[in-house]
Amino acid sequence: MNQYQKWLWERLAEKTVENLKKHGFDAHFVQSSQEAKDLILGLVEKFDSFGFGGSDTTRSLGLVEALRGKNKTIYDHWQQGLSREQDLELRLQQGRADCFLCSANAIAATGEVVNVDGFGNRTNAMTFGPKKVVVVAGMNKVRPDLHSALARIKEIAAPMRAKSLGMKTPCAETGFCQDCNSPQRICRVTTILHRKPVMTDITVVLVNEELGF
């Protein structure tokens, strides 16, 4: 990444963090993945059980391994060889864990956090249940306003995610959303956190890198 892109993202992050804080979120901006990892591990040290949404970003930071190394209980449905029943149980436990870690599909500089799910385990867990929720996202996911944040999911995040999962959807084939009715459609539940949920403590960590889809 060149210095001018980093500078531009820094300016955008200042505005985004300010507005997230106005909306009740605990918000931070860091320069690197390592800084984000260190910050998050410090924030969640006191908790014993952790749920992970289907997030490349949290895993790229090495958070699963780091917490397992501290003998924490991990609910992660990305394990290999799970039965359907085991997968379902892990997704349910994610919303009952002490702390839930995930990313976002898009964040608006006006202070909203936007996600689209296929199952709904992530969108449920990040709004109610865990004592603490941490959302970590690269600055590539930040858009100027809510409208453009929603457009990012449709135009960028969803097609790339569907492709990465090997889904048989129109967007995974063409790269363009067709608002399909495919059985493997991953865009089924949309949540917009306009403000921090009343009973959920949420930290948003923005990283001055390109992370995730």
N, C-alpha and C. Protein backbone atom coordinates (compact mmCIF):
# COMPACT_ATOMS: atom_id res chain seq x y z
N MET A 1 0.85 -1.19 0.00
CA MET A 1 0.00 0.00 0.00
C MET A 1 0.89 1.25 0.00
N ASN A 2 0.58 2.23 -0.84
CA ASN A 2 1.41 3.42 -0.87
C ASN A 2 1.04 4.39 0.25
N GLN A 3 1.93 5.34 0.49
CA GLN A 3 1.77 6.26 1.63
C GLN A 3 0.52 7.13 1.50
N TYR A 4 0.09 7.39 0.29
CA TYR A 4 -1.06 8.27 0.10
C TYR A 4 -2.36 7.54 0.41
N GLN A 5 -2.41 6.25 0.08
CA GLN A 5 -3.58 5.45 0.46
C GLN A 5 -3.69 5.35 1.97
N LYS A 6 -2.56 5.13 2.64
CA LYS A 6 -2.57 5.04 4.10
C LYS A 6 -3.02 6.37 4.71
N TRP A 7 -2.52 7.46 4.14
CA TRP A 7 -2.91 8.78 4.63
C TRP A 7 -4.41 9.01 4.45
N LEU A 8 -4.92 8.65 3.28
CA LEU A 8 -6.34 8.85 3.00
C LEU A 8 -7.19 8.03 3.97
N TRP A 9 -6.79 6.77 4.20
CA TRP A 9 -7.53 5.93 5.14
C TRP A 9 -7.44 6.47 6.56
N GLU A 10 -6.31 7.06 6.92
CA GLU A 10 -6.19 7.66 8.25
C GLU A 10 -7.21 8.78 8.44
N ARG A 11 -7.36 9.63 7.45
CA ARG A 11 -8.33 10.72 7.53
C ARG A 11 -9.76 10.17 7.62
N LEU A 12 -10.04 9.15 6.81
CA LEU A 12 -11.37 8.53 6.84
C LEU A 12 -11.62 7.86 8.18
N ALA A 13 -10.59 7.24 8.74
CA ALA A 13 -10.74 6.56 10.03
C ALA A 13 -11.04 7.54 11.15
N GLU A 14 -10.43 8.72 11.12
CA GLU A 14 -10.69 9.73 12.16
C GLU A 14 -12.17 10.06 12.22
N LYS A 15 -12.75 10.28 11.06
CA LYS A 15 -14.18 10.61 10.99
C LYS A 15 -15.03 9.43 11.43
N THR A 16 -14.66 8.23 10.99
CA THR A 16 -15.45 7.04 11.30
C THR A 16 -15.42 6.74 12.80
N VAL A 17 -14.25 6.78 13.40
CA VAL A 17 -14.13 6.53 14.84
C VAL A 17 -14.92 7.55 15.64
N GLU A 18 -14.84 8.81 15.24
CA GLU A 18 -15.59 9.86 15.92
C GLU A 18 -17.09 9.58 15.89
N ASN A 19 -17.61 9.19 14.73
CA ASN A 19 -19.04 8.93 14.61
C ASN A 19 -19.47 7.64 15.29
N LEU A 20 -18.62 6.62 15.25
CA LEU A 20 -18.93 5.39 15.98
C LEU A 20 -19.04 5.66 17.48
N LYS A 21 -18.15 6.48 17.99
CA LYS A 21 -18.19 6.83 19.42
C LYS A 21 -19.46 7.62 19.75
N LYS A 22 -19.86 8.51 18.87
CA LYS A 22 -21.10 9.26 19.07
C LYS A 22 -22.30 8.31 19.15
N HIS A 23 -22.20 7.17 18.46
CA HIS A 23 -23.29 6.20 18.42
C HIS A 23 -23.17 5.14 19.52
N GLY A 24 -22.25 5.37 20.45
CA GLY A 24 -22.18 4.51 21.63
C GLY A 24 -21.18 3.38 21.56
N PHE A 25 -20.50 3.22 20.42
CA PHE A 25 -19.52 2.14 20.29
C PHE A 25 -18.18 2.56 20.88
N ASP A 26 -17.45 1.61 21.40
CA ASP A 26 -16.06 1.81 21.77
C ASP A 26 -15.27 1.60 20.48
N ALA A 27 -14.63 2.63 19.96
CA ALA A 27 -14.01 2.54 18.64
C ALA A 27 -12.53 2.90 18.70
N HIS A 28 -11.73 2.18 17.91
CA HIS A 28 -10.28 2.37 17.87
C HIS A 28 -9.79 2.29 16.43
N PHE A 29 -8.66 2.97 16.17
CA PHE A 29 -7.98 2.86 14.88
C PHE A 29 -6.53 2.52 15.14
N VAL A 30 -6.04 1.48 14.44
CA VAL A 30 -4.64 1.08 14.57
C VAL A 30 -4.03 0.95 13.18
N GLN A 31 -2.70 0.96 13.14
CA GLN A 31 -2.02 0.96 11.86
C GLN A 31 -1.78 -0.43 11.27
N SER A 32 -1.75 -1.46 12.12
CA SER A 32 -1.36 -2.77 11.61
C SER A 32 -2.17 -3.90 12.23
N SER A 33 -2.11 -5.06 11.59
CA SER A 33 -2.78 -6.26 12.10
C SER A 33 -2.22 -6.65 13.46
N GLN A 34 -0.91 -6.52 13.64
CA GLN A 34 -0.30 -6.87 14.92
C GLN A 34 -0.81 -5.97 16.04
N GLU A 35 -0.92 -4.67 15.75
CA GLU A 35 -1.48 -3.75 16.74
C GLU A 35 -2.92 -4.12 17.08
N ALA A 36 -3.68 -4.49 16.07
CA ALA A 36 -5.07 -4.88 16.30
C ALA A 36 -5.14 -6.13 17.17
N LYS A 37 -4.31 -7.10 16.87
CA LYS A 37 -4.28 -8.34 17.66
C LYS A 37 -3.95 -8.06 19.11
N ASP A 38 -2.92 -7.26 19.35
CA ASP A 38 -2.50 -6.94 20.72
C ASP A 38 -3.60 -6.20 21.46
N LEU A 39 -4.23 -5.24 20.79
CA LEU A 39 -5.30 -4.47 21.41
C LEU A 39 -6.46 -5.37 21.79
N ILE A 40 -6.89 -6.24 20.86
CA ILE A 40 -8.04 -7.10 21.10
C ILE A 40 -7.77 -8.10 22.21
N LEU A 41 -6.60 -8.71 22.20
CA LEU A 41 -6.28 -9.69 23.25
C LEU A 41 -6.28 -9.03 24.63
N GLY A 42 -5.84 -7.78 24.69
CA GLY A 42 -5.89 -7.06 25.96
C GLY A 42 -7.30 -6.75 26.40
N LEU A 43 -8.17 -6.43 25.45
CA LEU A 43 -9.56 -6.10 25.76
C LEU A 43 -10.35 -7.30 26.27
N VAL A 44 -10.00 -8.51 25.80
CA VAL A 44 -10.83 -9.69 26.08
C VAL A 44 -10.18 -10.65 27.07
N GLU A 45 -9.08 -10.28 27.64
CA GLU A 45 -8.30 -11.18 28.51
C GLU A 45 -9.14 -11.80 29.63
N LYS A 46 -10.08 -11.06 30.19
CA LYS A 46 -10.82 -11.54 31.36
C LYS A 46 -11.88 -12.57 31.03
N PHE A 47 -12.20 -12.74 29.75
CA PHE A 47 -13.28 -13.66 29.39
C PHE A 47 -12.75 -15.08 29.20
N ASP A 48 -13.65 -16.05 29.40
CA ASP A 48 -13.25 -17.46 29.35
C ASP A 48 -13.69 -18.17 28.07
N SER A 49 -14.83 -17.78 27.50
CA SER A 49 -15.33 -18.48 26.31
C SER A 49 -15.53 -17.49 25.17
N PHE A 50 -15.23 -17.97 23.94
CA PHE A 50 -15.21 -17.09 22.78
C PHE A 50 -15.90 -17.74 21.59
N GLY A 51 -16.76 -16.97 20.94
CA GLY A 51 -17.38 -17.39 19.69
C GLY A 51 -16.75 -16.64 18.53
N PHE A 52 -16.60 -17.32 17.41
CA PHE A 52 -16.05 -16.70 16.22
C PHE A 52 -17.04 -16.81 15.08
N GLY A 53 -17.36 -15.68 14.46
CA GLY A 53 -18.18 -15.71 13.27
C GLY A 53 -17.37 -16.22 12.09
N GLY A 54 -18.00 -16.38 10.94
CA GLY A 54 -17.28 -16.84 9.75
C GLY A 54 -16.46 -15.72 9.15
N SER A 55 -15.33 -15.42 9.78
CA SER A 55 -14.55 -14.23 9.43
C SER A 55 -13.12 -14.58 9.06
N ASP A 56 -12.72 -14.22 7.84
CA ASP A 56 -11.31 -14.35 7.45
C ASP A 56 -10.44 -13.37 8.22
N THR A 57 -10.99 -12.20 8.53
CA THR A 57 -10.20 -11.16 9.18
C THR A 57 -9.74 -11.59 10.57
N THR A 58 -10.66 -12.09 11.41
CA THR A 58 -10.26 -12.48 12.76
C THR A 58 -9.24 -13.61 12.72
N ARG A 59 -9.38 -14.50 11.76
CA ARG A 59 -8.44 -15.62 11.67
C ARG A 59 -7.09 -15.18 11.10
N SER A 60 -7.09 -14.20 10.22
CA SER A 60 -5.82 -13.69 9.69
C SER A 60 -5.00 -13.00 10.77
N LEU A 61 -5.67 -12.52 11.81
CA LEU A 61 -4.96 -11.91 12.93
C LEU A 61 -4.40 -12.95 13.90
N GLY A 62 -4.78 -14.21 13.72
CA GLY A 62 -4.29 -15.26 14.61
C GLY A 62 -4.97 -15.28 15.96
N LEU A 63 -6.20 -14.77 16.03
CA LEU A 63 -6.89 -14.68 17.32
C LEU A 63 -7.34 -16.04 17.84
N VAL A 64 -7.77 -16.93 16.95
CA VAL A 64 -8.21 -18.26 17.38
C VAL A 64 -7.06 -18.99 18.07
N GLU A 65 -5.91 -19.01 17.40
CA GLU A 65 -4.75 -19.71 17.95
C GLU A 65 -4.26 -19.07 19.25
N ALA A 66 -4.27 -17.74 19.28
CA ALA A 66 -3.79 -17.04 20.47
C ALA A 66 -4.65 -17.34 21.68
N LEU A 67 -5.97 -17.38 21.49
CA LEU A 67 -6.87 -17.64 22.61
C LEU A 67 -6.84 -19.11 23.02
N ARG A 68 -6.70 -20.00 22.04
CA ARG A 68 -6.54 -21.41 22.38
C ARG A 68 -5.26 -21.63 23.20
N GLY A 69 -4.24 -20.87 22.87
CA GLY A 69 -2.98 -20.96 23.60
C GLY A 69 -3.10 -20.49 25.04
N LYS A 70 -4.13 -19.73 25.32
CA LYS A 70 -4.40 -19.27 26.69
C LYS A 70 -5.42 -20.17 27.38
N ASN A 71 -5.72 -21.33 26.76
CA ASN A 71 -6.66 -22.32 27.30
C ASN A 71 -8.08 -21.77 27.44
N LYS A 72 -8.45 -20.89 26.51
CA LYS A 72 -9.81 -20.38 26.48
C LYS A 72 -10.71 -21.38 25.72
N THR A 73 -12.00 -21.35 26.02
CA THR A 73 -12.96 -22.18 25.30
C THR A 73 -13.34 -21.48 24.01
N ILE A 74 -13.22 -22.18 22.88
CA ILE A 74 -13.46 -21.59 21.56
C ILE A 74 -14.62 -22.30 20.88
N TYR A 75 -15.59 -21.52 20.39
CA TYR A 75 -16.69 -22.04 19.59
C TYR A 75 -16.49 -21.56 18.16
N ASP A 76 -16.00 -22.46 17.32
CA ASP A 76 -15.60 -22.10 15.96
C ASP A 76 -16.13 -23.15 14.99
N HIS A 77 -17.10 -22.76 14.16
CA HIS A 77 -17.69 -23.72 13.23
C HIS A 77 -16.84 -23.92 11.97
N TRP A 78 -15.68 -23.30 11.89
CA TRP A 78 -14.79 -23.50 10.75
C TRP A 78 -13.87 -24.72 10.94
N GLN A 79 -14.12 -25.53 11.93
CA GLN A 79 -13.33 -26.75 12.11
C GLN A 79 -13.68 -27.76 11.02
N GLN A 80 -12.72 -28.62 10.71
CA GLN A 80 -12.93 -29.63 9.69
C GLN A 80 -13.68 -30.84 10.25
N GLY A 81 -14.48 -31.47 9.40
CA GLY A 81 -15.09 -32.74 9.76
C GLY A 81 -16.27 -32.68 10.71
N LEU A 82 -16.90 -31.52 10.82
CA LEU A 82 -18.05 -31.39 11.72
C LEU A 82 -19.30 -31.98 11.07
N SER A 83 -20.12 -32.63 11.87
CA SER A 83 -21.43 -33.04 11.39
C SER A 83 -22.34 -31.82 11.37
N ARG A 84 -23.50 -31.96 10.72
CA ARG A 84 -24.45 -30.85 10.69
C ARG A 84 -24.89 -30.48 12.10
N GLU A 85 -25.08 -31.47 12.95
CA GLU A 85 -25.51 -31.23 14.33
C GLU A 85 -24.42 -30.50 15.11
N GLN A 86 -23.16 -30.89 14.92
CA GLN A 86 -22.05 -30.23 15.61
C GLN A 86 -21.90 -28.78 15.13
N ASP A 87 -22.04 -28.58 13.83
CA ASP A 87 -21.96 -27.25 13.27
C ASP A 87 -23.04 -26.35 13.87
N LEU A 88 -24.25 -26.84 13.94
CA LEU A 88 -25.36 -26.08 14.50
C LEU A 88 -25.11 -25.75 15.96
N GLU A 89 -24.63 -26.71 16.73
CA GLU A 89 -24.39 -26.48 18.15
C GLU A 89 -23.32 -25.41 18.37
N LEU A 90 -22.27 -25.43 17.56
CA LEU A 90 -21.23 -24.42 17.69
C LEU A 90 -21.77 -23.03 17.36
N ARG A 91 -22.59 -22.94 16.33
CA ARG A 91 -23.18 -21.64 15.97
C ARG A 91 -24.08 -21.12 17.09
N LEU A 92 -24.81 -22.01 17.73
CA LEU A 92 -25.65 -21.59 18.86
C LEU A 92 -24.80 -21.12 20.03
N GLN A 93 -23.73 -21.85 20.31
CA GLN A 93 -22.86 -21.49 21.43
C GLN A 93 -22.14 -20.16 21.22
N GLN A 94 -21.93 -19.79 19.97
CA GLN A 94 -21.27 -18.51 19.70
C GLN A 94 -22.05 -17.35 20.30
N GLY A 95 -23.37 -17.45 20.26
CA GLY A 95 -24.21 -16.39 20.81
C GLY A 95 -24.36 -16.45 22.31
N ARG A 96 -23.81 -17.49 22.93
CA ARG A 96 -23.89 -17.65 24.38
C ARG A 96 -22.52 -17.54 25.04
N ALA A 97 -21.50 -17.32 24.24
CA ALA A 97 -20.15 -17.20 24.76
C ALA A 97 -19.99 -15.88 25.52
N ASP A 98 -18.94 -15.81 26.32
CA ASP A 98 -18.66 -14.56 27.04
C ASP A 98 -18.34 -13.43 26.06
N CYS A 99 -17.63 -13.78 24.99
CA CYS A 99 -17.16 -12.78 24.04
C CYS A 99 -17.32 -13.31 22.62
N PHE A 100 -17.77 -12.46 21.72
CA PHE A 100 -17.93 -12.84 20.32
C PHE A 100 -17.04 -11.96 19.47
N LEU A 101 -16.26 -12.59 18.58
CA LEU A 101 -15.35 -11.86 17.70
C LEU A 101 -15.75 -12.07 16.25
N CYS A 102 -15.80 -10.99 15.49
CA CYS A 102 -16.21 -11.08 14.10
C CYS A 102 -15.67 -9.88 13.34
N SER A 103 -15.96 -9.83 12.05
CA SER A 103 -15.66 -8.66 11.26
C SER A 103 -16.99 -8.04 10.83
N ALA A 104 -16.93 -7.14 9.88
CA ALA A 104 -18.13 -6.53 9.31
C ALA A 104 -18.00 -6.58 7.81
N ASN A 105 -19.13 -6.65 7.13
CA ASN A 105 -19.10 -6.58 5.66
C ASN A 105 -18.84 -5.16 5.18
N ALA A 106 -19.30 -4.20 5.98
CA ALA A 106 -19.06 -2.80 5.66
C ALA A 106 -19.30 -1.95 6.90
N ILE A 107 -18.58 -0.84 6.97
CA ILE A 107 -18.77 0.13 8.04
C ILE A 107 -18.90 1.51 7.39
N ALA A 108 -19.92 2.25 7.78
CA ALA A 108 -20.14 3.59 7.23
C ALA A 108 -19.39 4.61 8.06
N ALA A 109 -18.77 5.56 7.40
CA ALA A 109 -18.06 6.62 8.10
C ALA A 109 -19.01 7.46 8.94
N THR A 110 -20.29 7.35 8.66
CA THR A 110 -21.30 8.06 9.45
C THR A 110 -21.64 7.33 10.75
N GLY A 111 -21.02 6.15 10.98
CA GLY A 111 -21.13 5.49 12.27
C GLY A 111 -22.02 4.28 12.36
N GLU A 112 -22.30 3.60 11.23
CA GLU A 112 -23.12 2.40 11.23
C GLU A 112 -22.27 1.18 10.87
N VAL A 113 -22.62 0.04 11.46
CA VAL A 113 -21.95 -1.23 11.18
C VAL A 113 -22.94 -2.13 10.45
N VAL A 114 -22.55 -2.62 9.26
CA VAL A 114 -23.49 -3.33 8.40
C VAL A 114 -23.00 -4.75 8.12
N ASN A 115 -23.91 -5.72 8.25
CA ASN A 115 -23.58 -7.11 7.97
C ASN A 115 -24.71 -7.81 7.25
N VAL A 116 -24.34 -8.74 6.38
CA VAL A 116 -25.31 -9.60 5.70
C VAL A 116 -24.89 -11.04 5.94
N ASP A 117 -25.82 -11.87 6.41
CA ASP A 117 -25.54 -13.27 6.75
C ASP A 117 -26.41 -14.22 5.96
N GLY A 118 -25.95 -15.44 5.88
CA GLY A 118 -26.76 -16.51 5.32
C GLY A 118 -27.50 -17.27 6.40
N PHE A 119 -26.81 -17.55 7.52
CA PHE A 119 -27.40 -18.30 8.63
C PHE A 119 -28.02 -17.38 9.67
N GLY A 120 -27.35 -16.28 9.99
CA GLY A 120 -27.82 -15.37 11.03
C GLY A 120 -27.14 -15.55 12.36
N ASN A 121 -26.25 -16.54 12.49
CA ASN A 121 -25.56 -16.73 13.77
C ASN A 121 -24.67 -15.54 14.11
N ARG A 122 -24.00 -14.97 13.11
CA ARG A 122 -23.15 -13.82 13.37
C ARG A 122 -23.97 -12.58 13.72
N THR A 123 -24.99 -12.31 12.92
CA THR A 123 -25.79 -11.11 13.16
C THR A 123 -26.53 -11.19 14.49
N ASN A 124 -26.92 -12.40 14.90
CA ASN A 124 -27.57 -12.56 16.20
C ASN A 124 -26.57 -12.36 17.33
N ALA A 125 -25.42 -13.03 17.24
CA ALA A 125 -24.45 -13.00 18.33
C ALA A 125 -23.87 -11.61 18.56
N MET A 126 -23.75 -10.83 17.51
CA MET A 126 -23.13 -9.52 17.69
C MET A 126 -24.12 -8.46 18.20
N THR A 127 -25.39 -8.81 18.30
CA THR A 127 -26.35 -7.84 18.80
C THR A 127 -26.88 -8.14 20.20
N PHE A 128 -26.94 -9.43 20.58
CA PHE A 128 -27.48 -9.77 21.90
C PHE A 128 -26.99 -11.14 22.33
N GLY A 129 -26.54 -11.24 23.56
CA GLY A 129 -26.10 -12.53 24.10
C GLY A 129 -24.77 -12.43 24.81
N PRO A 130 -23.66 -12.32 24.07
CA PRO A 130 -22.34 -12.24 24.71
C PRO A 130 -22.18 -10.97 25.55
N LYS A 131 -21.32 -11.06 26.56
CA LYS A 131 -21.04 -9.87 27.38
C LYS A 131 -20.25 -8.83 26.59
N LYS A 132 -19.43 -9.32 25.67
CA LYS A 132 -18.57 -8.43 24.90
C LYS A 132 -18.55 -8.87 23.44
N VAL A 133 -18.59 -7.91 22.53
CA VAL A 133 -18.45 -8.17 21.10
C VAL A 133 -17.32 -7.29 20.56
N VAL A 134 -16.45 -7.90 19.77
CA VAL A 134 -15.38 -7.14 19.11
C VAL A 134 -15.52 -7.31 17.61
N VAL A 135 -15.64 -6.19 16.91
CA VAL A 135 -15.73 -6.17 15.45
C VAL A 135 -14.43 -5.56 14.94
N VAL A 136 -13.69 -6.32 14.13
CA VAL A 136 -12.42 -5.81 13.58
C VAL A 136 -12.52 -5.81 12.07
N ALA A 137 -12.09 -4.71 11.46
CA ALA A 137 -12.23 -4.58 10.00
C ALA A 137 -11.11 -3.75 9.41
N GLY A 138 -10.66 -4.16 8.23
CA GLY A 138 -9.71 -3.35 7.49
C GLY A 138 -10.38 -2.12 6.93
N MET A 139 -9.59 -1.10 6.65
CA MET A 139 -10.16 0.15 6.14
C MET A 139 -10.73 0.00 4.73
N ASN A 140 -10.43 -1.10 4.05
CA ASN A 140 -11.05 -1.35 2.75
C ASN A 140 -12.56 -1.55 2.86
N LYS A 141 -13.05 -1.80 4.09
CA LYS A 141 -14.48 -2.02 4.29
C LYS A 141 -15.25 -0.75 4.68
N VAL A 142 -14.55 0.34 4.84
CA VAL A 142 -15.19 1.59 5.27
C VAL A 142 -15.64 2.39 4.05
N ARG A 143 -16.88 2.82 4.09
CA ARG A 143 -17.46 3.63 3.02
C ARG A 143 -18.01 4.94 3.60
N PRO A 144 -18.20 5.95 2.76
CA PRO A 144 -18.57 7.28 3.27
C PRO A 144 -19.89 7.34 4.02
N ASP A 145 -20.88 6.53 3.62
CA ASP A 145 -22.20 6.63 4.23
C ASP A 145 -22.88 5.27 4.19
N LEU A 146 -24.08 5.20 4.77
CA LEU A 146 -24.80 3.94 4.87
C LEU A 146 -25.17 3.39 3.49
N HIS A 147 -25.59 4.25 2.60
CA HIS A 147 -25.97 3.80 1.25
C HIS A 147 -24.80 3.11 0.55
N SER A 148 -23.63 3.73 0.59
CA SER A 148 -22.47 3.15 -0.07
C SER A 148 -21.95 1.92 0.67
N ALA A 149 -22.18 1.84 1.98
CA ALA A 149 -21.81 0.65 2.74
C ALA A 149 -22.64 -0.55 2.29
N LEU A 150 -23.94 -0.33 2.14
CA LEU A 150 -24.82 -1.40 1.65
C LEU A 150 -24.44 -1.80 0.22
N ALA A 151 -24.09 -0.80 -0.60
CA ALA A 151 -23.69 -1.09 -1.98
C ALA A 151 -22.40 -1.90 -2.01
N ARG A 152 -21.48 -1.62 -1.08
CA ARG A 152 -20.23 -2.38 -1.04
C ARG A 152 -20.49 -3.88 -0.85
N ILE A 153 -21.42 -4.20 0.02
CA ILE A 153 -21.72 -5.61 0.27
C ILE A 153 -22.24 -6.28 -1.00
N LYS A 154 -23.14 -5.61 -1.67
CA LYS A 154 -23.75 -6.17 -2.87
C LYS A 154 -22.76 -6.28 -4.03
N GLU A 155 -21.88 -5.28 -4.15
CA GLU A 155 -21.01 -5.20 -5.31
C GLU A 155 -19.64 -5.86 -5.11
N ILE A 156 -19.20 -5.96 -3.85
CA ILE A 156 -17.85 -6.46 -3.60
C ILE A 156 -17.84 -7.65 -2.64
N ALA A 157 -18.32 -7.43 -1.42
CA ALA A 157 -18.16 -8.44 -0.37
C ALA A 157 -18.88 -9.75 -0.69
N ALA A 158 -20.15 -9.65 -1.08
CA ALA A 158 -20.93 -10.87 -1.31
C ALA A 158 -20.42 -11.70 -2.48
N PRO A 159 -20.15 -11.10 -3.66
CA PRO A 159 -19.62 -11.92 -4.75
C PRO A 159 -18.29 -12.58 -4.42
N MET A 160 -17.39 -11.83 -3.75
CA MET A 160 -16.09 -12.40 -3.40
C MET A 160 -16.23 -13.51 -2.37
N ARG A 161 -17.11 -13.31 -1.41
CA ARG A 161 -17.30 -14.32 -0.39
C ARG A 161 -17.93 -15.58 -0.97
N ALA A 162 -18.93 -15.41 -1.80
CA ALA A 162 -19.57 -16.56 -2.43
C ALA A 162 -18.57 -17.34 -3.28
N LYS A 163 -17.72 -16.62 -3.99
CA LYS A 163 -16.69 -17.26 -4.81
C LYS A 163 -15.71 -18.03 -3.94
N SER A 164 -15.30 -17.44 -2.82
CA SER A 164 -14.33 -18.07 -1.95
C SER A 164 -14.87 -19.35 -1.32
N LEU A 165 -16.20 -19.39 -1.12
CA LEU A 165 -16.83 -20.55 -0.53
C LEU A 165 -17.23 -21.61 -1.55
N GLY A 166 -17.01 -21.30 -2.83
CA GLY A 166 -17.37 -22.24 -3.88
C GLY A 166 -18.87 -22.39 -4.07
N MET A 167 -19.62 -21.33 -3.76
CA MET A 167 -21.07 -21.38 -3.87
C MET A 167 -21.53 -21.35 -5.33
N LYS A 168 -22.62 -22.03 -5.58
CA LYS A 168 -23.20 -22.03 -6.93
C LYS A 168 -24.29 -20.96 -7.00
N THR A 169 -23.83 -19.72 -7.06
CA THR A 169 -24.73 -18.58 -7.15
C THR A 169 -24.35 -17.74 -8.36
N PRO A 170 -25.28 -16.95 -8.89
CA PRO A 170 -24.95 -16.10 -10.04
C PRO A 170 -23.76 -15.17 -9.77
N CYS A 171 -23.70 -14.60 -8.57
CA CYS A 171 -22.61 -13.65 -8.29
C CYS A 171 -21.25 -14.34 -8.25
N ALA A 172 -21.23 -15.60 -7.81
CA ALA A 172 -19.97 -16.35 -7.78
C ALA A 172 -19.50 -16.72 -9.18
N GLU A 173 -20.41 -16.67 -10.13
CA GLU A 173 -20.07 -16.98 -11.52
C GLU A 173 -19.73 -15.72 -12.31
N THR A 174 -20.56 -14.67 -12.14
CA THR A 174 -20.42 -13.47 -12.97
C THR A 174 -19.73 -12.31 -12.26
N GLY A 175 -19.75 -12.33 -10.91
CA GLY A 175 -19.21 -11.21 -10.15
C GLY A 175 -20.21 -10.11 -9.89
N PHE A 176 -21.45 -10.30 -10.38
CA PHE A 176 -22.48 -9.29 -10.22
C PHE A 176 -23.69 -9.87 -9.49
N CYS A 177 -24.24 -9.11 -8.55
CA CYS A 177 -25.44 -9.53 -7.84
C CYS A 177 -26.65 -9.52 -8.77
N GLN A 178 -27.44 -10.58 -8.71
CA GLN A 178 -28.68 -10.64 -9.48
C GLN A 178 -29.88 -10.85 -8.57
N ASP A 179 -29.70 -10.56 -7.26
CA ASP A 179 -30.76 -10.72 -6.27
C ASP A 179 -31.44 -12.08 -6.46
N CYS A 180 -30.63 -13.12 -6.43
CA CYS A 180 -31.06 -14.46 -6.84
C CYS A 180 -31.90 -15.17 -5.78
N ASN A 181 -32.47 -16.27 -6.17
CA ASN A 181 -33.16 -17.19 -5.28
C ASN A 181 -32.43 -18.53 -5.22
N SER A 182 -31.13 -18.48 -5.44
CA SER A 182 -30.33 -19.70 -5.41
C SER A 182 -30.41 -20.36 -4.04
N PRO A 183 -30.48 -21.69 -3.98
CA PRO A 183 -30.46 -22.39 -2.68
C PRO A 183 -29.21 -22.09 -1.87
N GLN A 184 -28.11 -21.73 -2.54
CA GLN A 184 -26.87 -21.43 -1.84
C GLN A 184 -26.64 -19.94 -1.64
N ARG A 185 -27.67 -19.14 -1.86
CA ARG A 185 -27.55 -17.69 -1.65
C ARG A 185 -27.05 -17.41 -0.23
N ILE A 186 -26.05 -16.54 -0.08
CA ILE A 186 -25.50 -16.23 1.24
C ILE A 186 -26.05 -14.91 1.80
N CYS A 187 -26.80 -14.16 1.00
CA CYS A 187 -27.35 -12.88 1.45
C CYS A 187 -28.81 -13.06 1.85
N ARG A 188 -29.04 -13.36 3.12
CA ARG A 188 -30.39 -13.66 3.58
C ARG A 188 -30.84 -12.81 4.77
N VAL A 189 -29.89 -12.35 5.57
CA VAL A 189 -30.21 -11.57 6.76
C VAL A 189 -29.33 -10.33 6.77
N THR A 190 -29.93 -9.16 6.80
CA THR A 190 -29.17 -7.91 6.84
C THR A 190 -29.40 -7.21 8.18
N THR A 191 -28.30 -6.83 8.84
CA THR A 191 -28.42 -6.05 10.07
C THR A 191 -27.63 -4.77 9.93
N ILE A 192 -28.21 -3.70 10.44
CA ILE A 192 -27.53 -2.41 10.49
C ILE A 192 -27.51 -1.96 11.95
N LEU A 193 -26.32 -1.87 12.51
CA LEU A 193 -26.21 -1.34 13.87
C LEU A 193 -26.13 0.17 13.76
N HIS A 194 -27.29 0.81 13.88
CA HIS A 194 -27.34 2.27 13.81
C HIS A 194 -26.73 2.89 15.06
N ARG A 195 -26.91 2.20 16.17
CA ARG A 195 -26.34 2.60 17.46
C ARG A 195 -25.94 1.34 18.21
N LYS A 196 -25.14 1.48 19.25
CA LYS A 196 -24.79 0.32 20.06
C LYS A 196 -26.04 -0.28 20.67
N PRO A 197 -26.25 -1.61 20.52
CA PRO A 197 -27.41 -2.23 21.16
C PRO A 197 -27.41 -1.97 22.66
N VAL A 198 -28.58 -1.82 23.25
CA VAL A 198 -28.73 -1.37 24.63
C VAL A 198 -27.94 -2.21 25.62
N MET A 199 -27.97 -3.55 25.47
CA MET A 199 -27.38 -4.42 26.48
C MET A 199 -26.08 -5.11 26.01
N THR A 200 -25.50 -4.64 24.92
CA THR A 200 -24.31 -5.29 24.39
C THR A 200 -23.15 -4.31 24.28
N ASP A 201 -22.02 -4.67 24.88
CA ASP A 201 -20.81 -3.86 24.84
C ASP A 201 -20.04 -4.20 23.57
N ILE A 202 -19.93 -3.25 22.65
CA ILE A 202 -19.30 -3.52 21.35
C ILE A 202 -18.09 -2.60 21.13
N THR A 203 -16.97 -3.23 20.81
CA THR A 203 -15.77 -2.51 20.40
C THR A 203 -15.57 -2.71 18.91
N VAL A 204 -15.30 -1.62 18.19
CA VAL A 204 -14.99 -1.68 16.77
C VAL A 204 -13.53 -1.27 16.59
N VAL A 205 -12.74 -2.14 15.97
CA VAL A 205 -11.33 -1.87 15.72
C VAL A 205 -11.10 -1.76 14.22
N LEU A 206 -10.68 -0.59 13.77
CA LEU A 206 -10.37 -0.36 12.36
C LEU A 206 -8.86 -0.46 12.16
N VAL A 207 -8.47 -1.16 11.10
CA VAL A 207 -7.05 -1.41 10.85
C VAL A 207 -6.66 -0.77 9.52
N ASN A 208 -5.55 -0.06 9.51
CA ASN A 208 -5.12 0.66 8.30
C ASN A 208 -4.45 -0.29 7.31
N GLU A 209 -5.16 -1.39 6.99
CA GLU A 209 -4.71 -2.39 6.04
C GLU A 209 -5.94 -2.89 5.28
N GLU A 210 -5.67 -3.61 4.19
CA GLU A 210 -6.76 -4.28 3.48
C GLU A 210 -6.91 -5.67 4.06
N LEU A 211 -8.07 -5.95 4.65
CA LEU A 211 -8.32 -7.23 5.31
C LEU A 211 -9.68 -7.78 4.90
N GLY A 212 -9.75 -9.08 4.67
CA GLY A 212 -11.03 -9.72 4.42
C GLY A 212 -11.66 -9.33 3.09
N PHE A 213 -12.94 -9.70 2.95
CA PHE A 213 -13.67 -9.48 1.71
C PHE A 213 -14.51 -8.21 1.76
